[in-house]
């Protein structure tokens, strides 16, 4: 990433170009019988292109660069954040029972246990990715705390779904736990 001014679209494109191959490499380390579900989830088996969303990992690269670091040093953390995000999407799709999440047929409907395990595998792949990162003793606790907050946000979301009296503060709390936490983690 150059030092010239960039717009958001360019930053996200550069982040994606840097991270997509690394995410694919990490997913390829998963056991073959479970790997196909994340591959489908990421859109790698169809002509849909990659669904790697670089909004969450981009802040890791930008923060590293902002303090004078080489962006490559932040790649493991950025990949870990994106893997956690996608693990949470697999689980959220099951919880929400949406047949067309993000405009594509769901992966949970045919085999819920396999989709749950694929999400779990992505969570652990995120942790494994951080073992390649500098300062593991600092980065791993941050990621694990963020995952716990994300899980709490997801749980609070399930409570809201069955409640008829939902305040804006409760909805914002869910958003902070589910989305804000990973952005902060990055």
N, C-alpha and C. Protein backbone atom coordinates (compact mmCIF):
# COMPACT_ATOMS: atom_id res chain seq x y z
N UNK A 1 0.84 -1.18 0.00
CA UNK A 1 0.00 0.00 0.00
C UNK A 1 0.88 1.24 0.00
N UNK A 2 0.74 2.05 -0.99
CA UNK A 2 1.57 3.23 -1.15
C UNK A 2 1.19 4.31 -0.14
N UNK A 3 2.04 5.33 -0.05
CA UNK A 3 1.79 6.43 0.87
C UNK A 3 0.92 7.52 0.28
N UNK A 4 0.50 7.38 -0.97
CA UNK A 4 -0.34 8.39 -1.60
C UNK A 4 -1.76 8.35 -1.05
N UNK A 5 -2.48 9.47 -1.18
CA UNK A 5 -3.88 9.47 -0.70
C UNK A 5 -4.69 8.41 -1.46
N UNK A 6 -5.56 7.74 -0.73
CA UNK A 6 -6.38 6.69 -1.33
C UNK A 6 -7.80 6.85 -0.85
N UNK A 7 -8.72 6.41 -1.67
CA UNK A 7 -10.10 6.42 -1.24
C UNK A 7 -10.45 5.04 -0.68
N UNK A 8 -11.60 4.95 -0.10
CA UNK A 8 -12.03 3.71 0.56
C UNK A 8 -12.07 2.54 -0.42
N UNK A 9 -12.57 2.77 -1.60
CA UNK A 9 -12.67 1.69 -2.59
C UNK A 9 -11.29 1.13 -2.91
N UNK A 10 -10.31 2.01 -3.07
CA UNK A 10 -8.95 1.57 -3.38
C UNK A 10 -8.34 0.81 -2.21
N UNK A 11 -8.56 1.29 -1.01
CA UNK A 11 -8.02 0.61 0.19
C UNK A 11 -8.60 -0.79 0.29
N UNK A 12 -9.90 -0.92 0.11
CA UNK A 12 -10.53 -2.23 0.21
C UNK A 12 -10.06 -3.16 -0.91
N UNK A 13 -9.88 -2.62 -2.10
CA UNK A 13 -9.39 -3.44 -3.22
C UNK A 13 -7.97 -3.92 -2.95
N UNK A 14 -7.11 -3.04 -2.44
CA UNK A 14 -5.74 -3.43 -2.14
C UNK A 14 -5.70 -4.45 -1.00
N UNK A 15 -6.55 -4.25 -0.02
CA UNK A 15 -6.63 -5.20 1.08
C UNK A 15 -7.05 -6.57 0.57
N UNK A 16 -8.07 -6.59 -0.27
CA UNK A 16 -8.54 -7.85 -0.83
C UNK A 16 -7.48 -8.54 -1.66
N UNK A 17 -6.77 -7.78 -2.49
CA UNK A 17 -5.71 -8.36 -3.33
C UNK A 17 -4.62 -8.99 -2.48
N UNK A 18 -4.31 -8.36 -1.36
CA UNK A 18 -3.27 -8.89 -0.48
C UNK A 18 -3.74 -10.10 0.32
N UNK A 19 -4.99 -10.07 0.77
CA UNK A 19 -5.44 -11.07 1.73
C UNK A 19 -6.14 -12.28 1.12
N UNK A 20 -6.83 -12.13 0.00
CA UNK A 20 -7.57 -13.27 -0.57
C UNK A 20 -6.71 -14.51 -0.74
N UNK A 21 -5.51 -14.39 -1.31
CA UNK A 21 -4.69 -15.60 -1.45
C UNK A 21 -4.30 -16.21 -0.10
N UNK A 22 -4.07 -15.36 0.89
CA UNK A 22 -3.69 -15.85 2.21
C UNK A 22 -4.86 -16.55 2.91
N UNK A 23 -6.05 -16.00 2.73
CA UNK A 23 -7.25 -16.64 3.29
C UNK A 23 -7.46 -17.99 2.64
N UNK A 24 -7.28 -18.04 1.35
CA UNK A 24 -7.46 -19.31 0.62
C UNK A 24 -6.42 -20.34 1.08
N UNK A 25 -5.19 -19.90 1.28
CA UNK A 25 -4.15 -20.81 1.78
C UNK A 25 -4.53 -21.37 3.14
N UNK A 26 -5.06 -20.52 4.00
CA UNK A 26 -5.43 -20.99 5.34
C UNK A 26 -6.61 -21.95 5.26
N UNK A 27 -7.60 -21.63 4.46
CA UNK A 27 -8.76 -22.53 4.30
C UNK A 27 -8.29 -23.87 3.74
N UNK A 28 -7.29 -23.86 2.87
CA UNK A 28 -6.78 -25.11 2.30
C UNK A 28 -6.11 -26.00 3.33
N UNK A 29 -5.82 -25.47 4.51
CA UNK A 29 -5.23 -26.31 5.56
C UNK A 29 -6.30 -27.07 6.36
N UNK A 30 -7.56 -26.73 6.13
CA UNK A 30 -8.63 -27.43 6.84
C UNK A 30 -8.74 -28.86 6.33
N UNK A 31 -9.28 -29.77 7.15
CA UNK A 31 -9.47 -31.14 6.68
C UNK A 31 -10.33 -31.16 5.41
N UNK A 32 -9.96 -31.97 4.42
CA UNK A 32 -10.67 -31.96 3.13
C UNK A 32 -12.17 -32.17 3.24
N UNK A 33 -12.63 -32.99 4.16
CA UNK A 33 -14.06 -33.28 4.24
C UNK A 33 -14.87 -32.11 4.79
N UNK A 34 -14.21 -31.16 5.43
CA UNK A 34 -14.92 -29.98 5.94
C UNK A 34 -14.59 -28.74 5.11
N UNK A 35 -13.46 -28.76 4.42
CA UNK A 35 -12.98 -27.60 3.66
C UNK A 35 -13.96 -27.14 2.59
N UNK A 36 -14.68 -28.06 2.00
CA UNK A 36 -15.56 -27.67 0.89
C UNK A 36 -16.65 -26.69 1.31
N UNK A 37 -17.08 -26.73 2.55
CA UNK A 37 -18.14 -25.81 2.99
C UNK A 37 -17.62 -24.37 3.03
N UNK A 38 -16.47 -24.10 3.66
CA UNK A 38 -15.96 -22.73 3.56
C UNK A 38 -15.64 -22.32 2.13
N UNK A 39 -15.17 -23.26 1.30
CA UNK A 39 -14.90 -22.92 -0.10
C UNK A 39 -16.19 -22.48 -0.81
N UNK A 40 -17.28 -23.19 -0.55
CA UNK A 40 -18.57 -22.78 -1.10
C UNK A 40 -19.01 -21.44 -0.53
N UNK A 41 -18.84 -21.29 0.76
CA UNK A 41 -19.22 -20.05 1.44
C UNK A 41 -18.49 -18.85 0.84
N UNK A 42 -17.20 -19.01 0.57
CA UNK A 42 -16.41 -17.92 0.00
C UNK A 42 -16.68 -17.71 -1.49
N UNK A 43 -17.46 -18.61 -2.11
CA UNK A 43 -17.79 -18.46 -3.52
C UNK A 43 -16.72 -18.98 -4.46
N UNK A 44 -15.84 -19.82 -3.96
CA UNK A 44 -14.72 -20.30 -4.77
C UNK A 44 -15.10 -21.46 -5.68
N UNK A 45 -16.26 -22.04 -5.52
CA UNK A 45 -16.69 -23.17 -6.35
C UNK A 45 -17.63 -22.73 -7.46
N UNK A 46 -17.96 -21.50 -7.53
CA UNK A 46 -18.93 -21.02 -8.51
C UNK A 46 -18.37 -19.79 -9.20
N UNK A 47 -19.08 -19.31 -10.17
CA UNK A 47 -18.67 -18.10 -10.88
C UNK A 47 -19.13 -16.85 -10.15
N UNK A 48 -19.14 -16.90 -8.83
CA UNK A 48 -19.61 -15.76 -8.05
C UNK A 48 -18.45 -14.86 -7.64
N UNK A 49 -17.24 -15.28 -7.91
CA UNK A 49 -16.10 -14.53 -7.42
C UNK A 49 -15.97 -14.73 -5.93
N UNK A 50 -14.93 -14.21 -5.38
CA UNK A 50 -14.69 -14.36 -3.95
C UNK A 50 -15.60 -13.44 -3.16
N UNK A 51 -16.10 -13.95 -2.05
CA UNK A 51 -16.94 -13.12 -1.19
C UNK A 51 -16.15 -12.60 0.01
N UNK A 52 -14.83 -12.64 -0.07
CA UNK A 52 -14.03 -12.10 1.02
C UNK A 52 -14.35 -10.61 1.14
N UNK A 53 -14.82 -10.23 2.31
CA UNK A 53 -15.22 -8.85 2.59
C UNK A 53 -14.06 -8.20 3.34
N UNK A 54 -13.45 -7.20 2.74
CA UNK A 54 -12.23 -6.63 3.32
C UNK A 54 -12.47 -5.46 4.27
N UNK A 55 -13.73 -5.19 4.60
CA UNK A 55 -14.02 -4.08 5.50
C UNK A 55 -13.43 -4.35 6.89
N UNK A 56 -13.54 -5.56 7.39
CA UNK A 56 -13.05 -5.85 8.73
C UNK A 56 -11.53 -5.97 8.81
N UNK A 57 -10.88 -6.61 7.84
CA UNK A 57 -9.42 -6.71 7.97
C UNK A 57 -8.66 -5.44 7.57
N UNK A 58 -9.24 -4.55 6.79
CA UNK A 58 -8.53 -3.35 6.33
C UNK A 58 -7.98 -2.51 7.48
N UNK A 59 -8.73 -2.31 8.58
CA UNK A 59 -8.16 -1.49 9.66
C UNK A 59 -6.87 -2.06 10.24
N UNK A 60 -6.69 -3.36 10.21
CA UNK A 60 -5.44 -3.94 10.73
C UNK A 60 -4.26 -3.48 9.88
N UNK A 61 -4.43 -3.52 8.56
CA UNK A 61 -3.36 -3.09 7.68
C UNK A 61 -3.11 -1.59 7.81
N UNK A 62 -4.19 -0.82 7.89
CA UNK A 62 -4.05 0.63 8.01
C UNK A 62 -3.42 1.04 9.34
N UNK A 63 -3.78 0.37 10.42
CA UNK A 63 -3.21 0.70 11.73
C UNK A 63 -1.71 0.39 11.75
N UNK A 64 -1.35 -0.72 11.16
CA UNK A 64 0.06 -1.09 11.10
C UNK A 64 0.85 -0.04 10.32
N UNK A 65 0.29 0.36 9.20
CA UNK A 65 0.94 1.37 8.37
C UNK A 65 0.98 2.73 9.09
N UNK A 66 -0.06 3.05 9.83
CA UNK A 66 -0.13 4.35 10.52
C UNK A 66 0.97 4.51 11.56
N UNK A 67 1.42 3.41 12.14
CA UNK A 67 2.47 3.50 13.15
C UNK A 67 3.85 3.20 12.56
N UNK A 68 3.92 3.21 11.22
CA UNK A 68 5.20 3.04 10.55
C UNK A 68 5.60 1.60 10.29
N UNK A 69 4.69 0.68 10.53
CA UNK A 69 4.99 -0.72 10.29
C UNK A 69 4.78 -1.12 8.84
N UNK A 70 5.35 -2.23 8.49
CA UNK A 70 5.15 -2.81 7.17
C UNK A 70 3.79 -3.51 7.17
N UNK A 71 2.89 -3.18 6.24
CA UNK A 71 1.57 -3.80 6.25
C UNK A 71 1.60 -5.32 6.30
N UNK A 72 2.61 -5.95 5.70
CA UNK A 72 2.70 -7.42 5.72
C UNK A 72 2.72 -7.98 7.14
N UNK A 73 3.24 -7.20 8.06
CA UNK A 73 3.30 -7.67 9.45
C UNK A 73 1.89 -7.86 10.03
N UNK A 74 0.93 -7.14 9.45
CA UNK A 74 -0.45 -7.24 9.97
C UNK A 74 -1.29 -8.28 9.22
N UNK A 75 -0.74 -8.90 8.19
CA UNK A 75 -1.53 -9.86 7.41
C UNK A 75 -2.10 -11.00 8.25
N UNK A 76 -1.32 -11.63 9.13
CA UNK A 76 -1.93 -12.72 9.91
C UNK A 76 -3.12 -12.25 10.75
N UNK A 77 -3.00 -11.10 11.37
CA UNK A 77 -4.12 -10.58 12.18
C UNK A 77 -5.31 -10.25 11.30
N UNK A 78 -5.06 -9.66 10.14
CA UNK A 78 -6.15 -9.30 9.23
C UNK A 78 -6.85 -10.55 8.70
N UNK A 79 -6.08 -11.57 8.36
CA UNK A 79 -6.67 -12.83 7.89
C UNK A 79 -7.48 -13.46 9.02
N UNK A 80 -6.96 -13.43 10.22
CA UNK A 80 -7.68 -14.01 11.36
C UNK A 80 -9.02 -13.32 11.57
N UNK A 81 -9.05 -12.01 11.47
CA UNK A 81 -10.30 -11.25 11.63
C UNK A 81 -11.31 -11.66 10.56
N UNK A 82 -10.84 -11.80 9.32
CA UNK A 82 -11.75 -12.18 8.24
C UNK A 82 -12.26 -13.60 8.41
N UNK A 83 -11.42 -14.50 8.89
CA UNK A 83 -11.87 -15.87 9.13
C UNK A 83 -12.91 -15.92 10.24
N UNK A 84 -12.70 -15.15 11.30
CA UNK A 84 -13.69 -15.09 12.38
C UNK A 84 -15.01 -14.53 11.84
N UNK A 85 -14.92 -13.48 11.05
CA UNK A 85 -16.14 -12.90 10.47
C UNK A 85 -16.92 -13.95 9.68
N UNK A 86 -16.24 -14.71 8.85
CA UNK A 86 -16.92 -15.71 8.03
C UNK A 86 -17.41 -16.89 8.85
N UNK A 87 -16.70 -17.25 9.88
CA UNK A 87 -17.20 -18.29 10.79
C UNK A 87 -18.50 -17.82 11.43
N UNK A 88 -18.52 -16.56 11.84
CA UNK A 88 -19.74 -16.03 12.46
C UNK A 88 -20.89 -15.95 11.46
N UNK A 89 -20.57 -15.69 10.19
CA UNK A 89 -21.63 -15.67 9.18
C UNK A 89 -22.24 -17.06 8.99
N UNK A 90 -21.40 -18.09 8.96
CA UNK A 90 -21.94 -19.45 8.84
C UNK A 90 -22.88 -19.76 10.01
N UNK A 91 -22.45 -19.42 11.21
CA UNK A 91 -23.29 -19.68 12.39
C UNK A 91 -24.54 -18.80 12.39
N UNK A 92 -24.37 -17.53 12.02
CA UNK A 92 -25.51 -16.62 11.98
C UNK A 92 -26.56 -17.07 10.96
N UNK A 93 -26.11 -17.61 9.84
CA UNK A 93 -27.06 -18.12 8.84
C UNK A 93 -27.89 -19.27 9.39
N UNK A 94 -27.27 -20.11 10.19
CA UNK A 94 -27.99 -21.24 10.79
C UNK A 94 -28.99 -20.71 11.82
N UNK A 95 -28.52 -19.81 12.66
CA UNK A 95 -29.38 -19.26 13.71
C UNK A 95 -30.57 -18.52 13.08
N UNK A 96 -30.29 -17.71 12.06
CA UNK A 96 -31.34 -16.92 11.42
C UNK A 96 -32.24 -17.70 10.48
N UNK A 97 -31.80 -18.87 10.06
CA UNK A 97 -32.55 -19.75 9.16
C UNK A 97 -32.99 -19.04 7.88
N UNK A 98 -32.13 -18.15 7.39
CA UNK A 98 -32.42 -17.44 6.15
C UNK A 98 -32.01 -18.33 4.98
N UNK A 99 -32.93 -18.65 4.06
CA UNK A 99 -32.58 -19.53 2.94
C UNK A 99 -31.70 -18.86 1.88
N UNK A 100 -31.65 -17.52 1.86
CA UNK A 100 -30.82 -16.80 0.88
C UNK A 100 -29.99 -15.70 1.55
N UNK A 101 -29.11 -16.06 2.48
CA UNK A 101 -28.30 -15.02 3.11
C UNK A 101 -27.36 -14.39 2.09
N UNK A 102 -27.25 -13.08 2.12
CA UNK A 102 -26.39 -12.34 1.21
C UNK A 102 -26.66 -12.68 -0.26
N UNK A 103 -27.93 -13.04 -0.57
CA UNK A 103 -28.35 -13.28 -1.94
C UNK A 103 -27.91 -14.60 -2.55
N UNK A 104 -27.38 -15.51 -1.73
CA UNK A 104 -26.93 -16.81 -2.24
C UNK A 104 -27.58 -17.91 -1.42
N UNK A 105 -27.83 -19.06 -2.03
CA UNK A 105 -28.44 -20.16 -1.27
C UNK A 105 -27.61 -20.51 -0.04
N UNK A 106 -28.29 -20.79 1.03
CA UNK A 106 -27.63 -21.08 2.29
C UNK A 106 -26.87 -22.39 2.25
N UNK A 107 -25.87 -22.50 3.10
CA UNK A 107 -25.10 -23.74 3.22
C UNK A 107 -25.60 -24.60 4.37
N UNK A 108 -26.41 -24.03 5.25
CA UNK A 108 -26.82 -24.78 6.44
C UNK A 108 -27.97 -25.73 6.17
N UNK A 109 -28.86 -25.38 5.26
CA UNK A 109 -30.10 -26.15 5.09
C UNK A 109 -29.85 -27.63 4.81
N UNK A 110 -28.95 -27.97 3.88
CA UNK A 110 -28.77 -29.40 3.61
C UNK A 110 -28.14 -30.18 4.77
N UNK A 111 -27.21 -29.53 5.49
CA UNK A 111 -26.50 -30.25 6.54
C UNK A 111 -26.09 -29.29 7.64
N UNK A 112 -26.97 -29.09 8.59
CA UNK A 112 -26.69 -28.15 9.68
C UNK A 112 -25.43 -28.54 10.46
N UNK A 113 -25.27 -29.80 10.88
CA UNK A 113 -24.06 -30.13 11.65
C UNK A 113 -22.76 -29.81 10.89
N UNK A 114 -22.73 -30.09 9.59
CA UNK A 114 -21.53 -29.83 8.80
C UNK A 114 -21.25 -28.32 8.73
N UNK A 115 -22.29 -27.51 8.60
CA UNK A 115 -22.10 -26.06 8.54
C UNK A 115 -21.61 -25.52 9.88
N UNK A 116 -22.14 -26.05 10.97
CA UNK A 116 -21.67 -25.64 12.30
C UNK A 116 -20.19 -25.99 12.45
N UNK A 117 -19.83 -27.19 12.07
CA UNK A 117 -18.43 -27.62 12.19
C UNK A 117 -17.52 -26.80 11.28
N UNK A 118 -18.01 -26.43 10.11
CA UNK A 118 -17.21 -25.59 9.21
C UNK A 118 -16.97 -24.21 9.85
N UNK A 119 -17.99 -23.66 10.48
CA UNK A 119 -17.81 -22.40 11.20
C UNK A 119 -16.80 -22.55 12.32
N UNK A 120 -16.91 -23.64 13.06
CA UNK A 120 -15.94 -23.89 14.13
C UNK A 120 -14.53 -24.01 13.57
N UNK A 121 -14.41 -24.71 12.44
CA UNK A 121 -13.09 -24.88 11.82
C UNK A 121 -12.50 -23.53 11.43
N UNK A 122 -13.34 -22.62 10.94
CA UNK A 122 -12.84 -21.28 10.58
C UNK A 122 -12.41 -20.50 11.82
N UNK A 123 -13.14 -20.65 12.92
CA UNK A 123 -12.71 -20.00 14.16
C UNK A 123 -11.32 -20.47 14.57
N UNK A 124 -11.11 -21.77 14.53
CA UNK A 124 -9.81 -22.29 14.93
C UNK A 124 -8.73 -21.97 13.90
N UNK A 125 -9.09 -21.89 12.62
CA UNK A 125 -8.13 -21.47 11.60
C UNK A 125 -7.66 -20.04 11.86
N UNK A 126 -8.55 -19.21 12.37
CA UNK A 126 -8.18 -17.84 12.73
C UNK A 126 -7.12 -17.85 13.83
N UNK A 127 -7.33 -18.66 14.83
CA UNK A 127 -6.36 -18.76 15.93
C UNK A 127 -5.03 -19.29 15.40
N UNK A 128 -5.09 -20.32 14.55
CA UNK A 128 -3.86 -20.87 13.97
C UNK A 128 -3.13 -19.81 13.15
N UNK A 129 -3.87 -18.97 12.47
CA UNK A 129 -3.25 -17.92 11.65
C UNK A 129 -2.45 -16.97 12.52
N UNK A 130 -2.96 -16.68 13.70
CA UNK A 130 -2.24 -15.76 14.58
C UNK A 130 -0.93 -16.34 15.08
N UNK A 131 -0.78 -17.65 15.04
CA UNK A 131 0.50 -18.22 15.47
C UNK A 131 1.62 -17.80 14.53
N UNK A 132 1.28 -17.30 13.33
CA UNK A 132 2.26 -16.79 12.38
C UNK A 132 2.53 -15.30 12.59
N UNK A 133 1.81 -14.67 13.50
CA UNK A 133 1.89 -13.23 13.67
C UNK A 133 2.94 -12.86 14.72
N UNK A 134 3.51 -11.67 14.55
CA UNK A 134 4.38 -11.18 15.62
C UNK A 134 3.54 -10.87 16.86
N UNK A 135 4.15 -10.99 18.00
CA UNK A 135 3.52 -10.64 19.28
C UNK A 135 2.26 -11.45 19.55
N UNK A 136 2.34 -12.75 19.35
CA UNK A 136 1.20 -13.64 19.59
C UNK A 136 0.61 -13.43 20.99
N UNK A 137 1.46 -13.21 21.96
CA UNK A 137 0.98 -13.03 23.34
C UNK A 137 0.10 -11.80 23.49
N UNK A 138 0.20 -10.86 22.57
CA UNK A 138 -0.66 -9.67 22.60
C UNK A 138 -1.87 -9.82 21.67
N UNK A 139 -1.65 -10.40 20.50
CA UNK A 139 -2.73 -10.46 19.52
C UNK A 139 -3.77 -11.52 19.83
N UNK A 140 -3.34 -12.67 20.31
CA UNK A 140 -4.30 -13.75 20.56
C UNK A 140 -5.34 -13.38 21.62
N UNK A 141 -4.96 -12.83 22.76
CA UNK A 141 -6.01 -12.45 23.73
C UNK A 141 -7.01 -11.43 23.17
N UNK A 142 -6.55 -10.53 22.32
CA UNK A 142 -7.46 -9.55 21.72
C UNK A 142 -8.47 -10.25 20.82
N UNK A 143 -7.98 -11.16 19.98
CA UNK A 143 -8.89 -11.89 19.09
C UNK A 143 -9.87 -12.73 19.89
N UNK A 144 -9.39 -13.44 20.89
CA UNK A 144 -10.28 -14.30 21.68
C UNK A 144 -11.34 -13.49 22.42
N UNK A 145 -10.96 -12.34 22.95
CA UNK A 145 -11.95 -11.49 23.63
C UNK A 145 -12.98 -10.98 22.62
N UNK A 146 -12.54 -10.66 21.43
CA UNK A 146 -13.46 -10.19 20.39
C UNK A 146 -14.43 -11.29 19.98
N UNK A 147 -13.94 -12.52 19.87
CA UNK A 147 -14.82 -13.64 19.52
C UNK A 147 -15.86 -13.84 20.62
N UNK A 148 -15.45 -13.75 21.88
CA UNK A 148 -16.42 -13.90 22.97
C UNK A 148 -17.47 -12.79 22.91
N UNK A 149 -17.06 -11.56 22.63
CA UNK A 149 -18.02 -10.46 22.51
C UNK A 149 -18.94 -10.67 21.32
N UNK A 150 -18.41 -11.17 20.22
CA UNK A 150 -19.22 -11.47 19.04
C UNK A 150 -20.28 -12.53 19.37
N UNK A 151 -19.86 -13.56 20.09
CA UNK A 151 -20.80 -14.62 20.49
C UNK A 151 -21.89 -14.04 21.40
N UNK A 152 -21.51 -13.18 22.31
CA UNK A 152 -22.51 -12.54 23.17
C UNK A 152 -23.46 -11.68 22.35
N UNK A 153 -22.92 -10.94 21.37
CA UNK A 153 -23.77 -10.13 20.50
C UNK A 153 -24.74 -10.99 19.71
N UNK A 154 -24.27 -12.12 19.24
CA UNK A 154 -25.15 -13.05 18.49
C UNK A 154 -26.25 -13.58 19.41
N UNK A 155 -25.88 -13.92 20.63
CA UNK A 155 -26.88 -14.41 21.58
C UNK A 155 -27.92 -13.33 21.89
N UNK A 156 -27.46 -12.11 22.11
CA UNK A 156 -28.41 -11.01 22.36
C UNK A 156 -29.33 -10.79 21.17
N UNK A 157 -28.80 -11.02 19.97
CA UNK A 157 -29.61 -10.92 18.76
C UNK A 157 -30.73 -11.96 18.78
N UNK A 158 -30.43 -13.16 19.24
CA UNK A 158 -31.49 -14.19 19.31
C UNK A 158 -32.57 -13.80 20.31
N UNK A 159 -32.18 -13.11 21.37
CA UNK A 159 -33.18 -12.68 22.36
C UNK A 159 -34.07 -11.58 21.79
N UNK A 160 -33.49 -10.69 20.99
CA UNK A 160 -34.27 -9.61 20.38
C UNK A 160 -35.30 -10.16 19.41
N UNK A 161 -34.94 -11.22 18.68
CA UNK A 161 -35.85 -11.77 17.68
C UNK A 161 -37.18 -12.21 18.28
N UNK A 162 -37.17 -12.64 19.54
CA UNK A 162 -38.41 -13.12 20.15
C UNK A 162 -39.07 -12.07 21.05
N UNK A 163 -38.49 -10.89 21.11
CA UNK A 163 -39.01 -9.83 21.98
C UNK A 163 -39.81 -8.83 21.14
N UNK A 164 -40.93 -8.40 21.67
CA UNK A 164 -41.77 -7.44 20.94
C UNK A 164 -41.45 -5.99 21.32
N UNK A 165 -40.72 -5.78 22.40
CA UNK A 165 -40.39 -4.44 22.86
C UNK A 165 -38.87 -4.27 22.81
N UNK A 166 -38.36 -3.83 21.67
CA UNK A 166 -36.92 -3.73 21.47
C UNK A 166 -36.54 -2.26 21.33
N UNK A 167 -35.63 -1.82 22.17
CA UNK A 167 -35.19 -0.42 22.13
C UNK A 167 -34.03 -0.27 21.14
N UNK A 168 -33.83 0.95 20.72
CA UNK A 168 -32.71 1.25 19.83
C UNK A 168 -31.38 0.94 20.51
N UNK A 169 -31.31 1.16 21.82
CA UNK A 169 -30.08 0.86 22.56
C UNK A 169 -29.75 -0.62 22.52
N UNK A 170 -30.76 -1.47 22.63
CA UNK A 170 -30.51 -2.92 22.55
C UNK A 170 -30.02 -3.33 21.18
N UNK A 171 -30.61 -2.76 20.14
CA UNK A 171 -30.19 -3.07 18.78
C UNK A 171 -28.76 -2.59 18.56
N UNK A 172 -28.44 -1.40 19.04
CA UNK A 172 -27.08 -0.89 18.90
C UNK A 172 -26.08 -1.75 19.69
N UNK A 173 -26.51 -2.27 20.82
CA UNK A 173 -25.66 -3.17 21.59
C UNK A 173 -25.35 -4.45 20.83
N UNK A 174 -26.34 -4.98 20.15
CA UNK A 174 -26.13 -6.18 19.32
C UNK A 174 -25.15 -5.85 18.20
N UNK A 175 -25.36 -4.73 17.54
CA UNK A 175 -24.48 -4.34 16.43
C UNK A 175 -23.05 -4.14 16.91
N UNK A 176 -22.93 -3.55 18.09
CA UNK A 176 -21.59 -3.35 18.64
C UNK A 176 -20.90 -4.67 18.92
N UNK A 177 -21.66 -5.65 19.40
CA UNK A 177 -21.08 -6.94 19.70
C UNK A 177 -20.79 -7.76 18.46
N UNK A 178 -21.68 -7.71 17.50
CA UNK A 178 -21.52 -8.56 16.32
C UNK A 178 -20.60 -7.95 15.27
N UNK A 179 -20.70 -6.67 15.03
CA UNK A 179 -19.93 -6.03 13.97
C UNK A 179 -18.82 -5.15 14.53
N UNK A 180 -19.18 -4.31 15.46
CA UNK A 180 -18.21 -3.36 16.01
C UNK A 180 -17.03 -4.01 16.66
N UNK A 181 -17.26 -5.12 17.30
CA UNK A 181 -16.18 -5.80 18.02
C UNK A 181 -15.07 -6.26 17.08
N UNK A 182 -15.43 -6.82 15.93
CA UNK A 182 -14.40 -7.26 14.99
C UNK A 182 -13.68 -6.08 14.34
N UNK A 183 -14.40 -5.02 14.10
CA UNK A 183 -13.74 -3.83 13.58
C UNK A 183 -12.74 -3.28 14.59
N UNK A 184 -13.13 -3.27 15.85
CA UNK A 184 -12.22 -2.81 16.90
C UNK A 184 -11.02 -3.74 17.04
N UNK A 185 -11.27 -5.02 16.91
CA UNK A 185 -10.20 -6.01 17.00
C UNK A 185 -9.16 -5.79 15.92
N UNK A 186 -9.62 -5.50 14.71
CA UNK A 186 -8.69 -5.30 13.59
C UNK A 186 -7.76 -4.14 13.89
